[in-house]
Amino acid sequence: MCNTRSSLISGKLGICLNCIRSNPQKALKLSNQLHAKTRQVFNLSTKPPQTPNGLQCGQCTNQCKMAEGQRGYCGLVENQEGMLKRYGGTPEEGVLQWYFDPLPTNCVAWWFCPGCTGTGHPKYAYKPKAETNYSNLAIFYGSCSTDCLFCQNWHYRNLAQKHKPTISAEQLASKISEKTSCICFFGGDPSTQMPHALKTSKAALTEASDKNRILRICWETNGQIPTTQNKPQNFH
């Protein structure tokens, strides 16, 4: 906007702090255009659809309203012939990747996590210090309710576009073992696939409780979870 060149200005965004402050309307317009371009690469909606009389999802705070053939912002829900079709986020099917992350790990909560510090031992941790030789079941969801331009996990969009790989909540919960002391939901974001995450958590916690194991549940989320979820219209 002002033709300033600096190593402190993003080459992709191309807007300096002074321009953002002095002309926020134009800066926002330009940044929205860039966001749209990055999402179009993955055939994702450029903004949460709000079509009058469209079918409302209610899964997250975007509250997408979709016309016939239109997809929600997350990419996992679509209006098909007057019915909402979900390609993930149900207890039967989650679009995600999972792996075991050895503890201690570098997650967001490591500095107070029982798995890294022993906080709450012996009730919440197996060891008074870092839980070496134990693992975190890391669940990387392939969808999100926001669009951070410089997301370090941007590749979640590949999963949102392809709607795979998938796994049921029961199958995912069965992956825990005596060496799994916590589950971390992240992505992307758990908010757009919350029924799957909750079902996985409940099944895993039941399994751990039956066998007198410690199991912690961690959410790395943007917080866009409705406090009271609207019932989706014409859901199947």
C-alpha atoms as a PDB file:
ATOM      1  CA  MET A   1       0.000   0.000   0.000  1.00  0.00           C
ATOM      2  CA  CYS A   2       2.854   2.418   0.800  1.00  0.00           C
ATOM      3  CA  ASN A   3       5.604   0.647  -1.213  1.00  0.00           C
ATOM      4  CA  THR A   4       7.751   0.195   1.895  1.00  0.00           C
ATOM      5  CA  ARG A   5      10.197  -2.727   1.759  1.00  0.00           C
ATOM      6  CA  SER A   6      11.366  -4.417   4.943  1.00  0.00           C
ATOM      7  CA  SER A   7      12.310  -7.850   6.276  1.00  0.00           C
ATOM      8  CA  LEU A   8       9.610  -7.253   8.920  1.00  0.00           C
ATOM      9  CA  ILE A   9       6.852  -7.192   6.277  1.00  0.00           C
ATOM     10  CA  SER A  10       5.481 -10.519   5.054  1.00  0.00           C
ATOM     11  CA  GLY A  11       6.313 -11.024   1.401  1.00  0.00           C
ATOM     12  CA  LYS A  12       3.013 -12.825   0.805  1.00  0.00           C
ATOM     13  CA  LEU A  13       0.767 -10.471   2.742  1.00  0.00           C
ATOM     14  CA  GLY A  14       2.618  -7.340   1.617  1.00  0.00           C
ATOM     15  CA  ILE A  15       1.014  -4.983   4.149  1.00  0.00           C
ATOM     16  CA  CYS A  16       3.038  -3.133   6.781  1.00  0.00           C
ATOM     17  CA  LEU A  17       1.878  -2.351  10.308  1.00  0.00           C
ATOM     18  CA  ASN A  18       1.551   1.376   9.616  1.00  0.00           C
ATOM     19  CA  CYS A  19      -0.783   0.744   6.682  1.00  0.00           C
ATOM     20  CA  ILE A  20      -2.887  -1.669   8.731  1.00  0.00           C
ATOM     21  CA  ARG A  21      -3.287   1.004  11.396  1.00  0.00           C
ATOM     22  CA  SER A  22      -3.806   3.974   9.085  1.00  0.00           C
ATOM     23  CA  ASN A  23      -6.099   2.330   6.517  1.00  0.00           C
ATOM     24  CA  PRO A  24      -7.565  -0.805   8.085  1.00  0.00           C
ATOM     25  CA  GLN A  25     -10.449  -1.034   5.588  1.00  0.00           C
ATOM     26  CA  LYS A  26      -8.127  -1.359   2.590  1.00  0.00           C
ATOM     27  CA  ALA A  27      -5.701  -3.578   4.479  1.00  0.00           C
ATOM     28  CA  LEU A  28      -8.520  -5.935   5.438  1.00  0.00           C
ATOM     29  CA  LYS A  29      -9.775  -6.056   1.862  1.00  0.00           C
ATOM     30  CA  LEU A  30      -6.335  -7.012   0.567  1.00  0.00           C
ATOM     31  CA  SER A  31      -5.764  -9.623   3.265  1.00  0.00           C
ATOM     32  CA  ASN A  32      -9.189 -11.166   2.624  1.00  0.00           C
ATOM     33  CA  GLN A  33      -8.297 -11.488  -1.049  1.00  0.00           C
ATOM     34  CA  LEU A  34      -5.128 -13.350  -0.133  1.00  0.00           C
ATOM     35  CA  HIS A  35      -6.992 -15.640   2.265  1.00  0.00           C
ATOM     36  CA  ALA A  36      -9.482 -16.437  -0.504  1.00  0.00           C
ATOM     37  CA  LYS A  37      -6.707 -17.364  -2.935  1.00  0.00           C
ATOM     38  CA  THR A  38      -5.072 -19.744  -0.460  1.00  0.00           C
ATOM     39  CA  ARG A  39      -8.381 -21.517   0.200  1.00  0.00           C
ATOM     40  CA  GLN A  40      -9.362 -21.783  -3.454  1.00  0.00           C
ATOM     41  CA  VAL A  41      -6.282 -23.944  -4.039  1.00  0.00           C
ATOM     42  CA  PHE A  42      -7.985 -26.591  -1.873  1.00  0.00           C
ATOM     43  CA  ASN A  43     -11.535 -25.965  -3.179  1.00  0.00           C
ATOM     44  CA  LEU A  44     -12.554 -24.636   0.233  1.00  0.00           C
ATOM     45  CA  SER A  45     -15.146 -21.929   0.744  1.00  0.00           C
ATOM     46  CA  THR A  46     -13.523 -18.489   0.923  1.00  0.00           C
ATOM     47  CA  LYS A  47     -15.757 -17.489   3.842  1.00  0.00           C
ATOM     48  CA  PRO A  48     -18.422 -19.119   6.019  1.00  0.00           C
ATOM     49  CA  PRO A  49     -21.550 -19.308   3.802  1.00  0.00           C
ATOM     50  CA  GLN A  50     -24.580 -17.438   5.088  1.00  0.00           C
ATOM     51  CA  THR A  51     -27.133 -18.104   2.344  1.00  0.00           C
ATOM     52  CA  PRO A  52     -30.628 -16.869   3.299  1.00  0.00           C
ATOM     53  CA  ASN A  53     -32.900 -19.877   3.916  1.00  0.00           C
ATOM     54  CA  GLY A  54     -29.897 -22.192   3.555  1.00  0.00           C
ATOM     55  CA  LEU A  55     -29.452 -25.256   5.741  1.00  0.00           C
ATOM     56  CA  GLN A  56     -27.643 -24.402   8.981  1.00  0.00           C
ATOM     57  CA  CYS A  57     -24.913 -26.693  10.305  1.00  0.00           C
ATOM     58  CA  GLY A  58     -24.490 -25.586  13.933  1.00  0.00           C
ATOM     59  CA  GLN A  59     -21.322 -27.650  14.467  1.00  0.00           C
ATOM     60  CA  CYS A  60     -19.157 -24.614  15.345  1.00  0.00           C
ATOM     61  CA  THR A  61     -19.574 -20.881  15.891  1.00  0.00           C
ATOM     62  CA  ASN A  62     -19.421 -20.182  12.144  1.00  0.00           C
ATOM     63  CA  GLN A  63     -23.034 -21.409  11.940  1.00  0.00           C
ATOM     64  CA  CYS A  64     -22.754 -21.952   8.176  1.00  0.00           C
ATOM     65  CA  LYS A  65     -25.976 -21.707   6.137  1.00  0.00           C
ATOM     66  CA  MET A  66     -25.596 -23.597   2.881  1.00  0.00           C
ATOM     67  CA  ALA A  67     -27.548 -23.444  -0.351  1.00  0.00           C
ATOM     68  CA  GLU A  68     -28.033 -26.530  -2.523  1.00  0.00           C
ATOM     69  CA  GLY A  69     -24.622 -27.937  -3.475  1.00  0.00           C
ATOM     70  CA  GLN A  70     -22.763 -25.539  -1.190  1.00  0.00           C
ATOM     71  CA  ARG A  71     -20.111 -26.655   1.320  1.00  0.00           C
ATOM     72  CA  GLY A  72     -19.488 -25.354   4.800  1.00  0.00           C
ATOM     73  CA  TYR A  73     -16.356 -23.428   5.693  1.00  0.00           C
ATOM     74  CA  CYS A  74     -14.639 -26.501   7.155  1.00  0.00           C
ATOM     75  CA  GLY A  75     -15.144 -28.445   3.927  1.00  0.00           C
ATOM     76  CA  LEU A  76     -16.683 -31.479   5.631  1.00  0.00           C
ATOM     77  CA  VAL A  77     -20.395 -30.682   5.337  1.00  0.00           C
ATOM     78  CA  GLU A  78     -22.498 -30.046   2.223  1.00  0.00           C
ATOM     79  CA  ASN A  79     -26.116 -29.364   1.317  1.00  0.00           C
ATOM     80  CA  GLN A  80     -27.110 -32.283  -0.906  1.00  0.00           C
ATOM     81  CA  GLU A  81     -30.683 -32.153  -2.211  1.00  0.00           C
ATOM     82  CA  GLY A  82     -31.952 -30.409   0.885  1.00  0.00           C
ATOM     83  CA  MET A  83     -30.074 -32.602   3.354  1.00  0.00           C
ATOM     84  CA  LEU A  84     -26.820 -31.970   5.198  1.00  0.00           C
ATOM     85  CA  LYS A  85     -24.218 -34.545   4.247  1.00  0.00           C
ATOM     86  CA  ARG A  86     -21.197 -34.895   6.547  1.00  0.00           C
ATOM     87  CA  TYR A  87     -17.935 -36.376   5.326  1.00  0.00           C
ATOM     88  CA  GLY A  88     -16.405 -36.466   8.800  1.00  0.00           C
ATOM     89  CA  GLY A  89     -16.870 -35.361  12.364  1.00  0.00           C
ATOM     90  CA  THR A  90     -19.423 -38.023  13.244  1.00  0.00           C
ATOM     91  CA  PRO A  91     -18.789 -40.807  15.793  1.00  0.00           C
ATOM     92  CA  GLU A  92     -18.680 -43.218  12.849  1.00  0.00           C
ATOM     93  CA  GLU A  93     -16.146 -41.273  10.809  1.00  0.00           C
ATOM     94  CA  GLY A  94     -13.449 -38.720  11.555  1.00  0.00           C
ATOM     95  CA  VAL A  95     -11.188 -37.148   8.930  1.00  0.00           C
ATOM     96  CA  LEU A  96      -7.786 -37.219  10.611  1.00  0.00           C
ATOM     97  CA  GLN A  97      -4.299 -38.588  10.971  1.00  0.00           C
ATOM     98  CA  TRP A  98      -3.004 -40.043  14.221  1.00  0.00           C
ATOM     99  CA  TYR A  99       0.351 -41.096  15.650  1.00  0.00           C
ATOM    100  CA  PHE A 100       2.093 -41.761  18.948  1.00  0.00           C
ATOM    101  CA  ASP A 101       4.142 -38.825  20.206  1.00  0.00           C
ATOM    102  CA  PRO A 102       6.716 -39.960  22.822  1.00  0.00           C
ATOM    103  CA  LEU A 103       6.605 -38.111  26.144  1.00  0.00           C
ATOM    104  CA  PRO A 104       7.886 -35.657  27.152  1.00  0.00           C
ATOM    105  CA  THR A 105       6.823 -33.708  24.067  1.00  0.00           C
ATOM    106  CA  ASN A 106       6.767 -30.112  22.859  1.00  0.00           C
ATOM    107  CA  CYS A 107       2.996 -29.581  22.837  1.00  0.00           C
ATOM    108  CA  VAL A 108       1.383 -26.278  23.781  1.00  0.00           C
ATOM    109  CA  ALA A 109       0.846 -27.356  27.393  1.00  0.00           C
ATOM    110  CA  TRP A 110       4.211 -29.030  28.009  1.00  0.00           C
ATOM    111  CA  TRP A 111       5.298 -26.579  30.742  1.00  0.00           C
ATOM    112  CA  PHE A 112       2.493 -27.658  33.065  1.00  0.00           C
ATOM    113  CA  CYS A 113       1.476 -30.992  31.532  1.00  0.00           C
ATOM    114  CA  PRO A 114       1.751 -33.971  33.921  1.00  0.00           C
ATOM    115  CA  GLY A 115       3.294 -35.983  31.087  1.00  0.00           C
ATOM    116  CA  CYS A 116       6.211 -33.554  30.854  1.00  0.00           C
ATOM    117  CA  THR A 117       6.524 -32.312  34.439  1.00  0.00           C
ATOM    118  CA  GLY A 118       4.976 -34.989  36.663  1.00  0.00           C
ATOM    119  CA  THR A 119       2.412 -32.464  37.953  1.00  0.00           C
ATOM    120  CA  GLY A 120      -0.317 -34.223  39.934  1.00  0.00           C
ATOM    121  CA  HIS A 121       1.662 -37.414  40.468  1.00  0.00           C
ATOM    122  CA  PRO A 122       0.503 -40.067  41.281  1.00  0.00           C
ATOM    123  CA  LYS A 123      -3.132 -39.298  40.408  1.00  0.00           C
ATOM    124  CA  TYR A 124      -2.543 -37.638  37.039  1.00  0.00           C
ATOM    125  CA  ALA A 125       0.930 -38.871  36.087  1.00  0.00           C
ATOM    126  CA  TYR A 126       2.777 -42.161  36.248  1.00  0.00           C
ATOM    127  CA  LYS A 127       6.048 -40.521  37.254  1.00  0.00           C
ATOM    128  CA  PRO A 128       7.008 -37.573  39.501  1.00  0.00           C
ATOM    129  CA  LYS A 129       8.930 -36.108  36.567  1.00  0.00           C
ATOM    130  CA  ALA A 130       8.691 -36.477  32.802  1.00  0.00           C
ATOM    131  CA  GLU A 131       6.856 -39.614  31.678  1.00  0.00           C
ATOM    132  CA  THR A 132       9.655 -41.158  29.639  1.00  0.00           C
ATOM    133  CA  ASN A 133       8.702 -44.418  27.894  1.00  0.00           C
ATOM    134  CA  TYR A 134       5.060 -43.280  27.713  1.00  0.00           C
ATOM    135  CA  SER A 135       3.307 -41.737  24.734  1.00  0.00           C
ATOM    136  CA  ASN A 136       0.636 -39.257  23.773  1.00  0.00           C
ATOM    137  CA  LEU A 137      -1.931 -40.349  21.188  1.00  0.00           C
ATOM    138  CA  ALA A 138      -1.767 -37.315  18.883  1.00  0.00           C
ATOM    139  CA  ILE A 139      -4.932 -36.824  16.808  1.00  0.00           C
ATOM    140  CA  PHE A 140      -4.542 -34.395  13.914  1.00  0.00           C
ATOM    141  CA  TYR A 141      -7.976 -33.416  12.604  1.00  0.00           C
ATOM    142  CA  GLY A 142      -8.222 -32.497   8.919  1.00  0.00           C
ATOM    143  CA  SER A 143     -10.534 -29.503   9.180  1.00  0.00           C
ATOM    144  CA  CYS A 144     -10.726 -26.121  10.889  1.00  0.00           C
ATOM    145  CA  SER A 145     -13.228 -23.366  11.660  1.00  0.00           C
ATOM    146  CA  THR A 146     -10.724 -20.546  11.087  1.00  0.00           C
ATOM    147  CA  ASP A 147      -8.138 -19.736   8.415  1.00  0.00           C
ATOM    148  CA  CYS A 148      -4.834 -18.579   9.865  1.00  0.00           C
ATOM    149  CA  LEU A 149      -2.780 -17.450   6.885  1.00  0.00           C
ATOM    150  CA  PHE A 150       0.513 -18.664   8.371  1.00  0.00           C
ATOM    151  CA  CYS A 151      -0.766 -21.836  10.056  1.00  0.00           C
ATOM    152  CA  GLN A 152       2.150 -24.160  10.805  1.00  0.00           C
ATOM    153  CA  ASN A 153      -0.202 -27.111  10.219  1.00  0.00           C
ATOM    154  CA  TRP A 154      -1.611 -25.752   6.950  1.00  0.00           C
ATOM    155  CA  HIS A 155      -1.596 -29.231   5.404  1.00  0.00           C
ATOM    156  CA  TYR A 156      -4.809 -30.095   7.299  1.00  0.00           C
ATOM    157  CA  ARG A 157      -6.463 -28.560   4.219  1.00  0.00           C
ATOM    158  CA  ASN A 158      -5.345 -31.546   2.143  1.00  0.00           C
ATOM    159  CA  LEU A 159      -7.443 -33.794   4.373  1.00  0.00           C
ATOM    160  CA  ALA A 160     -10.395 -31.404   4.284  1.00  0.00           C
ATOM    161  CA  GLN A 161     -10.274 -31.431   0.489  1.00  0.00           C
ATOM    162  CA  LYS A 162      -9.966 -35.214   0.076  1.00  0.00           C
ATOM    163  CA  HIS A 163     -12.137 -36.227   3.085  1.00  0.00           C
ATOM    164  CA  LYS A 164      -9.591 -38.872   4.039  1.00  0.00           C
ATOM    165  CA  PRO A 165      -8.041 -40.711   5.738  1.00  0.00           C
ATOM    166  CA  THR A 166     -10.930 -41.612   8.035  1.00  0.00           C
ATOM    167  CA  ILE A 167     -11.394 -43.708  11.157  1.00  0.00           C
ATOM    168  CA  SER A 168     -14.275 -44.280  13.558  1.00  0.00           C
ATOM    169  CA  ALA A 169     -14.188 -43.062  17.157  1.00  0.00           C
ATOM    170  CA  GLU A 170     -14.275 -46.623  18.487  1.00  0.00           C
ATOM    171  CA  GLN A 171     -11.381 -47.696  16.263  1.00  0.00           C
ATOM    172  CA  LEU A 172      -9.344 -44.674  17.271  1.00  0.00           C
ATOM    173  CA  ALA A 173      -9.956 -45.198  20.986  1.00  0.00           C
ATOM    174  CA  SER A 174      -8.790 -48.796  20.642  1.00  0.00           C
ATOM    175  CA  LYS A 175      -5.282 -47.563  19.731  1.00  0.00           C
ATOM    176  CA  ILE A 176      -4.454 -46.647  23.326  1.00  0.00           C
ATOM    177  CA  SER A 177      -2.371 -49.100  25.358  1.00  0.00           C
ATOM    178  CA  GLU A 178      -0.787 -49.368  28.796  1.00  0.00           C
ATOM    179  CA  LYS A 179       1.904 -46.969  27.543  1.00  0.00           C
ATOM    180  CA  THR A 180      -0.559 -44.278  26.391  1.00  0.00           C
ATOM    181  CA  SER A 181      -1.043 -41.759  29.183  1.00  0.00           C
ATOM    182  CA  CYS A 182      -2.740 -38.925  27.271  1.00  0.00           C
ATOM    183  CA  ILE A 183      -4.664 -38.017  24.125  1.00  0.00           C
ATOM    184  CA  CYS A 184      -4.182 -34.681  22.378  1.00  0.00           C
ATOM    185  CA  PHE A 185      -6.761 -33.401  19.884  1.00  0.00           C
ATOM    186  CA  PHE A 186      -5.458 -30.725  17.529  1.00  0.00           C
ATOM    187  CA  GLY A 187      -5.232 -30.064  13.797  1.00  0.00           C
ATOM    188  CA  GLY A 188      -6.790 -28.087  12.149  1.00  0.00           C
ATOM    189  CA  ASP A 189      -9.146 -27.872  15.055  1.00  0.00           C
ATOM    190  CA  PRO A 190     -11.345 -30.314  17.000  1.00  0.00           C
ATOM    191  CA  SER A 191     -14.337 -27.942  16.931  1.00  0.00           C
ATOM    192  CA  THR A 192     -15.532 -28.953  13.464  1.00  0.00           C
ATOM    193  CA  GLN A 193     -15.438 -32.661  14.357  1.00  0.00           C
ATOM    194  CA  MET A 194     -16.501 -32.436  17.987  1.00  0.00           C
ATOM    195  CA  PRO A 195     -18.927 -35.437  18.065  1.00  0.00           C
ATOM    196  CA  HIS A 196     -16.082 -37.676  16.900  1.00  0.00           C
ATOM    197  CA  ALA A 197     -13.637 -36.245  19.450  1.00  0.00           C
ATOM    198  CA  LEU A 198     -16.102 -36.610  22.328  1.00  0.00           C
ATOM    199  CA  LYS A 199     -16.981 -40.191  21.397  1.00  0.00           C
ATOM    200  CA  THR A 200     -13.289 -41.072  21.133  1.00  0.00           C
ATOM    201  CA  SER A 201     -12.598 -39.503  24.544  1.00  0.00           C
ATOM    202  CA  LYS A 202     -15.454 -41.290  26.288  1.00  0.00           C
ATOM    203  CA  ALA A 203     -14.530 -44.672  24.827  1.00  0.00           C
ATOM    204  CA  ALA A 204     -10.842 -44.260  25.685  1.00  0.00           C
ATOM    205  CA  LEU A 205     -11.536 -43.030  29.212  1.00  0.00           C
ATOM    206  CA  THR A 206     -13.860 -45.973  29.843  1.00  0.00           C
ATOM    207  CA  GLU A 207     -11.178 -48.391  28.636  1.00  0.00           C
ATOM    208  CA  ALA A 208      -8.531 -46.745  30.817  1.00  0.00           C
ATOM    209  CA  SER A 209     -10.791 -46.667  33.887  1.00  0.00           C
ATOM    210  CA  ASP A 210     -11.666 -50.358  33.529  1.00  0.00           C
ATOM    211  CA  LYS A 211      -7.965 -51.206  33.576  1.00  0.00           C
ATOM    212  CA  ASN A 212      -6.980 -48.679  36.292  1.00  0.00           C
ATOM    213  CA  ARG A 213      -4.827 -46.670  33.910  1.00  0.00           C
ATOM    214  CA  ILE A 214      -4.099 -42.956  33.876  1.00  0.00           C
ATOM    215  CA  LEU A 215      -5.418 -41.148  30.785  1.00  0.00           C
ATOM    216  CA  ARG A 216      -5.476 -37.384  30.290  1.00  0.00           C
ATOM    217  CA  ILE A 217      -7.392 -35.569  27.535  1.00  0.00           C
ATOM    218  CA  CYS A 218      -5.862 -32.424  26.022  1.00  0.00           C
ATOM    219  CA  TRP A 219      -7.525 -30.023  23.587  1.00  0.00           C
ATOM    220  CA  GLU A 220      -5.518 -27.661  21.395  1.00  0.00           C
ATOM    221  CA  THR A 221      -8.392 -25.576  20.064  1.00  0.00           C
ATOM    222  CA  ASN A 222      -9.258 -22.080  18.869  1.00  0.00           C
ATOM    223  CA  GLY A 223     -12.290 -22.209  21.165  1.00  0.00           C
ATOM    224  CA  GLN A 224     -14.925 -21.783  18.469  1.00  0.00           C
ATOM    225  CA  ILE A 225     -17.206 -24.323  20.070  1.00  0.00           C
ATOM    226  CA  PRO A 226     -20.847 -23.276  20.608  1.00  0.00           C
ATOM    227  CA  THR A 227     -21.872 -23.194  24.266  1.00  0.00           C
ATOM    228  CA  THR A 228     -25.269 -24.465  23.128  1.00  0.00           C
ATOM    229  CA  GLN A 229     -25.089 -26.292  19.843  1.00  0.00           C
ATOM    230  CA  ASN A 230     -27.892 -25.612  17.369  1.00  0.00           C
ATOM    231  CA  LYS A 231     -29.483 -28.776  16.080  1.00  0.00           C
ATOM    232  CA  PRO A 232     -28.443 -29.219  12.433  1.00  0.00           C
ATOM    233  CA  GLN A 233     -31.271 -28.977   9.935  1.00  0.00           C
ATOM    234  CA  ASN A 234     -32.192 -32.065   7.879  1.00  0.00           C
ATOM    235  CA  PHE A 235     -29.065 -33.949   8.902  1.00  0.00           C
ATOM    236  CA  HIS A 236     -28.185 -37.388   7.545  1.00  0.00           C
END
